[in-house]
């Protein structure tokens, strides 16, 4: 009977070892995904900043084209 108990304990231990090994793999995978997310997020923030600057520049440029005669009126040429 002790032999049966020992077998069951060994099976339980083996199952727990497999679970632990799988959890360690999951931790490694999740850590890699998180690291990738941080890299992507940082790159996205940089790109977003550049795009905002470009949009602001284009808005100013567009504002100058709204009434091109305005500058000539201000200068007294019209």
Protein backbone atom coordinates (compact mmCIF):
# COMPACT_ATOMS: atom_id res chain seq x y z
CA UNK A 1 0.00 0.00 0.00
CA UNK A 2 2.90 2.35 0.70
CA UNK A 3 4.11 1.69 -2.82
CA UNK A 4 0.78 2.93 -4.25
CA UNK A 5 0.94 6.09 -2.17
CA UNK A 6 4.49 6.73 -3.26
CA UNK A 7 3.49 6.27 -6.92
CA UNK A 8 0.62 8.74 -6.51
CA UNK A 9 2.91 11.27 -4.85
CA UNK A 10 5.45 10.89 -7.63
CA UNK A 11 2.71 11.44 -10.23
CA UNK A 12 1.52 14.52 -8.36
CA UNK A 13 5.07 15.84 -8.16
CA UNK A 14 5.63 15.15 -11.87
CA UNK A 15 2.40 16.97 -12.73
CA UNK A 16 3.36 19.92 -10.54
CA UNK A 17 6.84 20.02 -12.14
CA UNK A 18 5.23 20.12 -15.60
CA UNK A 19 2.91 22.90 -14.46
CA UNK A 20 5.83 24.88 -13.05
CA UNK A 21 7.83 24.42 -16.25
CA UNK A 22 4.86 25.57 -18.35
CA UNK A 23 4.31 28.59 -16.09
CA UNK A 24 7.98 29.54 -16.42
CA UNK A 25 7.64 29.37 -20.22
CA UNK A 26 4.51 31.51 -20.03
CA UNK A 27 6.34 34.06 -17.87
CA UNK A 28 9.19 34.25 -20.39
CA UNK A 29 6.75 34.63 -23.29
CA UNK A 30 4.76 37.33 -21.50
CA UNK A 31 7.93 39.19 -20.55
CA UNK A 32 9.04 39.17 -24.19
CA UNK A 33 5.64 40.41 -25.32
CA UNK A 34 5.73 43.16 -22.70
CA UNK A 35 9.23 44.22 -23.77
CA UNK A 36 8.05 44.35 -27.40
CA UNK A 37 5.05 46.41 -26.33
CA UNK A 38 7.30 48.91 -24.55
CA UNK A 39 9.48 49.27 -27.67
CA UNK A 40 6.46 49.71 -29.94
CA UNK A 41 4.87 52.20 -27.54
CA UNK A 42 8.03 54.31 -27.35
CA UNK A 43 8.38 54.31 -31.15
CA UNK A 44 4.70 55.20 -31.49
CA UNK A 45 5.11 58.16 -29.14
CA UNK A 46 8.11 59.45 -31.10
CA UNK A 47 6.26 59.07 -34.39
CA UNK A 48 3.15 60.71 -32.96
CA UNK A 49 5.24 63.69 -31.81
CA UNK A 50 6.81 64.07 -35.26
CA UNK A 51 3.41 63.84 -36.93
CA UNK A 52 1.96 66.50 -34.62
CA UNK A 53 4.80 68.85 -35.52
CA UNK A 54 4.24 68.18 -39.22
CA UNK A 55 0.47 68.72 -38.88
CA UNK A 56 1.02 72.03 -37.08
CA UNK A 57 3.47 73.12 -39.76
CA UNK A 58 1.00 72.24 -42.50
CA UNK A 59 -1.83 74.04 -40.68
CA UNK A 60 0.25 77.22 -40.55
CA UNK A 61 1.14 76.78 -44.20
CA UNK A 62 -2.52 76.30 -45.12
CA UNK A 63 -3.49 79.37 -43.12
CA UNK A 64 -1.10 81.44 -45.21
CA UNK A 65 -2.85 80.24 -48.39
CA UNK A 66 -6.36 81.08 -47.21
CA UNK A 67 -6.20 84.66 -48.46
CA UNK A 68 -3.02 85.26 -50.48
CA UNK A 69 -4.14 88.80 -51.25
CA UNK A 70 -4.13 89.60 -47.55
CA UNK A 71 -0.36 90.11 -47.46
CA UNK A 72 -0.50 92.33 -50.52
CA UNK A 73 -3.24 94.42 -48.89
CA UNK A 74 -1.18 94.76 -45.72
CA UNK A 75 1.86 95.87 -47.71
CA UNK A 76 -0.23 98.42 -49.58
CA UNK A 77 0.41 96.87 -52.96
CA UNK A 78 -3.35 96.46 -53.59
